[in-house]
Amino acid sequence: MDHAEQVAEVLFAEQQRLVDEFGEVDGSQFRPHPWERAGLGGGRACILEDGEVFERSGINVSLVRGSRVPPTIAGSRPHTAGLPYAATGISLVLHPRNPYVPAFHANFRYFEVTGADWWFGGGCDLTPAYGFDDDAIGFHQALKSWCDRHDAAWYPAWKATCDEYFTIGHRGEMRGIGGVFFDYLSDPAPEGFDRCWRAITDGVATILPAYLPILQRRRTMPYGERQRAWQLFRRGRYVEFNLVYDRGTRFGLETRGNSEAILMSLPPLARWGFDIQPEPGSPEMDLARFLQPHDWASRR
C-alpha cells in the first residue's frame, strides 16, 4: 500500500465519522454516492439535502490516479510535468438553512508524483451572511490552536494565504472571514511524511470543535424574509468564487472527476440582483467589515 492509499483509507473513515456527527445534528441521514471512472479511480460523495439544519451539505472523499500531472499542477511545479500522479482528499461543504449560521468549508488533500515529489494541502474557512465577532474569534482561535500544536509559524502564514486566496477579485472582498489555507506542505526528512500526516489528521479532527459551537449558537435564531433574501444574495458571491477562482474545482474538472461531487460545494439556492446595497447601519451593512483581513485570533 502506497502513501496515497494509506491516506485515503483514513480519510474514508473520517468521512464516515463526520457524516455520523452532522447527520445527528440535522436529524437526517446522508445519502452515499460511490463513483468510479475507468483508468482514473473513484470515491464516495455523501450528500444531505433539504434537512432540518442543513439545506445542503456534502462530504466527499476520492482517490484518483493519472499518467500525466494535470496542467494546474505542472504549471506551478514544472519538475512534475509529464509524470504519473496519485491524489486523494476529503472535502466538506455545509450550507445551513438558517441565515445566521455561516456556511463552512474544509478540505485536506494529498498529492504524490511518482519518483518526484509529494505534498499535502488544504484548510478551513467560514462564510457568514451575518457577522458575529465571537463566532469569528472562536473559529480562528480553534484553527490557531491546531496549527500551534505543530508549528507556531503556520497560523499567521496560512491565515494570510487564506485571506488572499479566498478574495473575490472582481468584488474587492473576501468570500467570508477566512481561516487557514496551505499548499505544498512537505518535509524531506526521514520522518517528514509522518510529521506532516499527524498535522493533517489533527486538522481534520479540528473541524467539529471549530464549527459546531457556532452552529449550535445560531441554529435557533429567528429569521424572516429579509434575512433569507440576504443569505441568498451572499450565496451568489460564494458561487462566483467557486466557479471563477477555486483551484479545486478546476483540478477536479480537468482530471475528469465526478462533476456532481466536484460541484457539491455550490448552494442549492442563490440569487443575484443589480447593485444591491444594504441599508446604512443595518446588520447586512455590518458584514462588510468581516470581509476584509482581520486579526481575529488575537481578540478576546
Protein backbone atom coordinates (compact mmCIF):
# COMPACT_ATOMS: atom_id res chain seq x y z
CA MET A 1 0.00 0.00 0.00
CA ASP A 2 1.49 3.37 -1.03
CA HIS A 3 1.06 6.63 0.86
CA ALA A 4 -1.90 7.74 -1.25
CA GLU A 5 -3.81 4.57 -0.37
CA GLN A 6 -2.90 4.90 3.31
CA VAL A 7 -4.14 8.49 3.39
CA ALA A 8 -7.33 7.60 1.51
CA GLU A 9 -8.12 4.76 3.92
CA VAL A 10 -8.00 7.13 6.88
CA LEU A 11 -9.97 9.83 5.06
CA PHE A 12 -12.78 7.41 4.22
CA ALA A 13 -13.02 6.57 7.94
CA GLU A 14 -13.03 10.30 8.80
CA GLN A 15 -15.74 10.88 6.22
CA GLN A 16 -17.97 8.36 7.97
CA ARG A 17 -17.30 9.95 11.36
CA LEU A 18 -18.26 13.41 10.05
CA VAL A 19 -21.31 12.03 8.25
CA ASP A 20 -22.49 10.47 11.51
CA GLU A 21 -21.86 13.65 13.53
CA PHE A 22 -23.51 16.12 11.17
CA GLY A 23 -26.32 13.70 10.38
CA GLU A 24 -27.11 13.51 14.09
CA VAL A 25 -27.13 17.31 14.33
CA ASP A 26 -29.59 17.53 11.45
CA GLY A 27 -31.70 14.53 12.35
CA SER A 28 -31.33 13.21 8.80
CA GLN A 29 -29.11 10.74 7.02
CA PHE A 30 -26.53 11.50 4.35
CA ARG A 31 -27.01 9.61 1.09
CA PRO A 32 -23.83 7.85 -0.10
CA HIS A 33 -22.94 8.09 -3.80
CA PRO A 34 -19.94 5.88 -4.70
CA TRP A 35 -18.40 6.62 -8.08
CA GLU A 36 -15.70 5.20 -10.35
CA ARG A 37 -14.03 6.30 -13.57
CA ALA A 38 -12.19 3.77 -15.73
CA GLY A 39 -8.48 4.48 -15.72
CA LEU A 40 -8.87 7.23 -13.11
CA GLY A 41 -10.12 5.94 -9.78
CA GLY A 42 -13.14 6.72 -7.67
CA GLY A 43 -14.54 7.93 -4.43
CA ARG A 44 -17.66 8.43 -2.38
CA ALA A 45 -19.77 11.54 -2.11
CA CYS A 46 -22.17 11.72 0.86
CA ILE A 47 -24.96 14.26 0.44
CA LEU A 48 -27.66 15.64 2.72
CA GLU A 49 -30.24 17.93 1.11
CA ASP A 50 -33.35 19.68 2.40
CA GLY A 51 -32.58 18.81 6.00
CA GLU A 52 -33.79 20.43 9.19
CA VAL A 53 -30.49 22.25 9.80
CA PHE A 54 -28.61 21.91 6.51
CA GLU A 55 -30.21 22.98 3.26
CA ARG A 56 -27.37 21.22 1.52
CA SER A 57 -24.23 19.57 2.79
CA GLY A 58 -21.71 17.27 1.21
CA ILE A 59 -18.67 15.32 2.33
CA ASN A 60 -16.59 13.80 -0.44
CA VAL A 61 -13.52 11.56 -0.48
CA SER A 62 -11.73 10.49 -3.65
CA LEU A 63 -8.60 8.64 -4.74
CA VAL A 64 -7.55 9.22 -8.34
CA ARG A 65 -4.51 8.38 -10.43
CA GLY A 66 -3.29 9.57 -13.79
CA SER A 67 -0.47 9.05 -16.26
CA ARG A 68 0.37 12.76 -16.52
CA VAL A 69 0.22 15.52 -13.92
CA PRO A 70 -2.64 17.95 -14.77
CA PRO A 71 -1.75 21.41 -16.14
CA THR A 72 -2.94 23.15 -12.94
CA ILE A 73 -0.19 21.31 -11.04
CA ALA A 74 2.54 21.23 -13.69
CA GLY A 75 2.24 24.98 -14.16
CA SER A 76 3.42 25.67 -10.61
CA ARG A 77 5.59 22.55 -10.21
CA PRO A 78 7.40 22.22 -13.57
CA HIS A 79 9.56 19.32 -12.39
CA THR A 80 6.41 17.15 -12.21
CA ALA A 81 5.31 17.70 -15.82
CA GLY A 82 4.56 14.53 -17.73
CA LEU A 83 4.88 12.22 -14.71
CA PRO A 84 2.28 9.84 -13.23
CA TYR A 85 0.48 11.00 -10.10
CA ALA A 86 -1.93 9.97 -7.37
CA ALA A 87 -4.21 12.31 -5.45
CA THR A 88 -6.60 11.80 -2.57
CA GLY A 89 -8.54 14.15 -0.35
CA ILE A 90 -11.60 14.91 1.71
CA SER A 91 -13.80 17.93 1.03
CA LEU A 92 -16.66 19.14 3.22
CA VAL A 93 -19.16 21.91 2.49
CA LEU A 94 -22.11 22.84 4.72
CA HIS A 95 -24.86 25.27 3.64
CA PRO A 96 -27.17 25.75 6.64
CA ARG A 97 -30.80 26.73 6.31
CA ASN A 98 -30.76 29.47 8.96
CA PRO A 99 -29.20 32.69 7.53
CA TYR A 100 -27.49 33.38 10.85
CA VAL A 101 -25.48 30.14 10.67
CA PRO A 102 -22.38 30.57 8.48
CA ALA A 103 -21.54 28.22 5.65
CA PHE A 104 -18.47 26.11 6.32
CA HIS A 105 -15.87 24.61 4.03
CA ALA A 106 -12.88 22.37 4.72
CA ASN A 107 -10.63 20.22 2.59
CA PHE A 108 -7.48 18.23 3.17
CA ARG A 109 -5.65 16.59 0.29
CA TYR A 110 -2.53 14.63 -0.57
CA PHE A 111 -0.73 14.63 -3.92
CA GLU A 112 2.21 12.48 -4.94
CA VAL A 113 4.14 12.41 -8.19
CA THR A 114 5.93 9.16 -8.96
CA GLY A 115 9.63 9.49 -8.20
CA ALA A 116 9.50 13.28 -7.95
CA ASP A 117 7.52 14.87 -5.13
CA TRP A 118 4.71 14.68 -2.59
CA TRP A 119 2.81 17.24 -0.54
CA PHE A 120 -0.31 17.97 1.50
CA GLY A 121 -2.66 20.92 1.15
CA GLY A 122 -5.99 22.18 2.36
CA GLY A 123 -7.57 24.29 5.06
CA CYS A 124 -10.84 25.51 6.59
CA ASP A 125 -12.83 28.71 6.14
CA LEU A 126 -16.11 30.22 7.27
CA THR A 127 -18.60 32.19 5.17
CA PRO A 128 -21.27 34.07 7.16
CA ALA A 129 -24.18 36.06 5.76
CA TYR A 130 -24.34 37.90 9.10
CA GLY A 131 -21.20 38.66 11.06
CA PHE A 132 -20.71 37.97 14.77
CA ASP A 133 -17.42 38.86 16.42
CA ASP A 134 -17.49 35.96 18.87
CA ASP A 135 -18.02 33.48 16.05
CA ALA A 136 -15.04 34.82 14.10
CA ILE A 137 -12.84 34.94 17.20
CA GLY A 138 -13.69 31.41 18.35
CA PHE A 139 -13.27 29.95 14.87
CA HIS A 140 -9.84 31.48 14.30
CA GLN A 141 -8.63 30.64 17.79
CA ALA A 142 -9.54 26.98 17.23
CA LEU A 143 -7.56 26.94 13.98
CA LYS A 144 -4.61 28.70 15.60
CA SER A 145 -4.55 26.15 18.43
CA TRP A 146 -4.38 23.33 15.89
CA CYS A 147 -1.56 24.99 13.96
CA ASP A 148 0.40 25.92 17.08
CA ARG A 149 0.45 22.29 18.22
CA HIS A 150 2.69 21.58 15.23
CA ASP A 151 4.44 24.80 14.17
CA ALA A 152 3.86 28.30 15.54
CA ALA A 153 4.74 29.82 12.17
CA TRP A 154 1.90 28.06 10.37
CA TYR A 155 -1.15 30.01 11.53
CA PRO A 156 0.00 33.54 10.57
CA ALA A 157 1.33 32.30 7.23
CA TRP A 158 -1.67 30.11 6.41
CA LYS A 159 -4.17 32.75 7.51
CA ALA A 160 -2.55 35.32 5.20
CA THR A 161 -2.65 32.80 2.36
CA CYS A 162 -6.32 32.09 3.08
CA ASP A 163 -7.23 35.79 3.14
CA GLU A 164 -5.56 36.25 -0.22
CA TYR A 165 -6.84 33.06 -1.82
CA PHE A 166 -10.49 33.49 -0.85
CA THR A 167 -10.67 37.04 -2.14
CA ILE A 168 -13.23 37.64 -4.87
CA GLY A 169 -11.07 39.87 -7.02
CA HIS A 170 -13.86 41.42 -9.09
CA ARG A 171 -15.78 42.31 -5.90
CA GLY A 172 -12.88 43.55 -3.77
CA GLU A 173 -13.90 41.45 -0.79
CA MET A 174 -13.18 38.08 0.78
CA ARG A 175 -15.68 35.26 0.39
CA GLY A 176 -16.09 35.17 4.18
CA ILE A 177 -13.97 35.59 7.30
CA GLY A 178 -11.23 33.30 6.01
CA GLY A 179 -9.49 30.71 8.12
CA VAL A 180 -6.34 28.89 7.10
CA PHE A 181 -5.24 27.66 3.69
CA PHE A 182 -1.98 25.98 2.72
CA ASP A 183 -0.40 24.07 -0.11
CA TYR A 184 2.81 22.14 -0.75
CA LEU A 185 3.26 21.07 2.88
CA SER A 186 6.14 18.61 2.68
CA ASP A 187 9.25 17.58 4.62
CA PRO A 188 12.28 15.81 3.10
CA ALA A 189 13.44 14.42 6.46
CA PRO A 190 13.17 10.64 7.02
CA GLU A 191 10.19 11.15 9.34
CA GLY A 192 8.84 14.05 7.30
CA PHE A 193 5.80 12.29 5.90
CA ASP A 194 4.71 11.07 9.34
CA ARG A 195 5.13 14.57 10.80
CA CYS A 196 3.01 16.16 8.10
CA TRP A 197 0.41 13.42 8.25
CA ARG A 198 -0.03 13.87 12.00
CA ALA A 199 -0.69 17.57 11.43
CA ILE A 200 -3.27 16.81 8.75
CA THR A 201 -5.16 14.28 10.86
CA ASP A 202 -5.18 16.82 13.70
CA GLY A 203 -6.61 19.37 11.26
CA VAL A 204 -9.43 17.03 10.27
CA ALA A 205 -10.12 16.46 13.98
CA THR A 206 -10.41 20.25 14.46
CA ILE A 207 -13.39 20.55 12.08
CA LEU A 208 -16.01 19.78 14.71
CA PRO A 209 -14.66 21.86 17.64
CA ALA A 210 -14.11 24.82 15.29
CA TYR A 211 -17.60 24.82 13.76
CA LEU A 212 -20.10 23.05 16.00
CA PRO A 213 -20.16 25.72 18.76
CA ILE A 214 -21.08 28.35 16.17
CA LEU A 215 -23.71 26.13 14.61
CA GLN A 216 -25.33 25.38 17.97
CA ARG A 217 -25.26 29.07 18.95
CA ARG A 218 -27.02 30.31 15.81
CA ARG A 219 -29.23 27.49 14.53
CA THR A 220 -32.36 28.50 16.50
CA MET A 221 -32.16 32.26 15.94
CA PRO A 222 -35.45 33.51 14.44
CA TYR A 223 -35.33 34.97 10.92
CA GLY A 224 -37.68 36.22 8.25
CA GLU A 225 -37.86 37.02 4.53
CA ARG A 226 -35.33 39.86 4.78
CA GLN A 227 -32.65 37.62 6.29
CA ARG A 228 -33.41 34.84 3.82
CA ALA A 229 -33.11 37.21 0.84
CA TRP A 230 -29.76 38.48 2.14
CA GLN A 231 -28.50 34.93 2.64
CA LEU A 232 -29.35 34.02 -0.96
CA PHE A 233 -27.64 37.17 -2.23
CA ARG A 234 -24.47 36.34 -0.28
CA ARG A 235 -24.61 32.79 -1.59
CA GLY A 236 -24.34 34.29 -5.06
CA ARG A 237 -20.91 35.61 -4.10
CA TYR A 238 -19.98 32.12 -2.87
CA VAL A 239 -20.91 30.69 -6.27
CA GLU A 240 -18.91 33.37 -8.09
CA PHE A 241 -15.76 32.46 -6.19
CA ASN A 242 -16.14 28.71 -6.65
CA LEU A 243 -16.75 28.89 -10.38
CA VAL A 244 -14.27 31.64 -11.23
CA TYR A 245 -11.33 31.21 -8.84
CA ASP A 246 -11.37 27.90 -6.97
CA ARG A 247 -8.40 25.71 -7.89
CA GLY A 248 -10.03 22.55 -6.53
CA THR A 249 -12.98 22.96 -8.89
CA ARG A 250 -10.67 23.43 -11.87
CA PHE A 251 -8.49 20.45 -10.88
CA GLY A 252 -11.49 18.16 -10.47
CA LEU A 253 -12.96 19.09 -13.83
CA GLU A 254 -9.58 18.89 -15.59
CA THR A 255 -8.99 15.36 -14.28
CA ARG A 256 -12.45 14.24 -15.39
CA GLY A 257 -13.62 13.60 -11.84
CA ASN A 258 -17.24 13.17 -10.83
CA SER A 259 -18.82 16.51 -11.72
CA GLU A 260 -21.66 16.04 -9.24
CA ALA A 261 -19.16 15.51 -6.41
CA ILE A 262 -16.98 18.41 -7.60
CA LEU A 263 -19.89 20.84 -7.77
CA MET A 264 -21.48 19.71 -4.50
CA SER A 265 -19.87 22.81 -2.97
CA LEU A 266 -22.50 25.03 -4.58
CA PRO A 267 -25.54 26.02 -2.50
CA PRO A 268 -28.94 24.69 -3.60
CA LEU A 269 -30.36 28.21 -3.95
CA ALA A 270 -28.70 31.57 -4.60
CA ARG A 271 -29.67 34.91 -6.13
CA TRP A 272 -28.18 37.87 -7.92
CA GLY A 273 -29.52 41.40 -8.07
CA PHE A 274 -28.27 44.55 -9.71
CA ASP A 275 -26.30 46.86 -7.41
CA ILE A 276 -27.86 45.63 -4.17
CA GLN A 277 -26.86 47.98 -1.34
CA PRO A 278 -27.71 47.25 2.31
CA GLU A 279 -29.20 49.98 4.48
CA PRO A 280 -26.64 52.10 6.36
CA GLY A 281 -26.22 50.91 9.94
CA SER A 282 -28.00 47.61 9.27
CA PRO A 283 -26.71 44.12 10.21
CA GLU A 284 -26.37 43.48 6.49
CA MET A 285 -24.14 46.51 6.08
CA ASP A 286 -22.06 45.40 9.08
CA LEU A 287 -21.00 42.26 7.21
CA ALA A 288 -18.61 44.34 5.10
CA ARG A 289 -16.13 44.72 7.95
CA PHE A 290 -15.89 40.92 8.24
CA LEU A 291 -14.95 40.55 4.57
CA GLN A 292 -11.53 42.18 4.87
CA PRO A 293 -8.43 40.68 6.57
CA HIS A 294 -8.64 40.93 10.35
CA ASP A 295 -6.57 39.53 13.22
CA TRP A 296 -9.41 37.61 14.88
CA ALA A 297 -7.27 35.13 16.79
CA SER A 298 -5.67 37.83 18.96
CA ARG A 299 -9.07 39.15 20.12
CA ARG A 300 -10.54 38.19 23.49
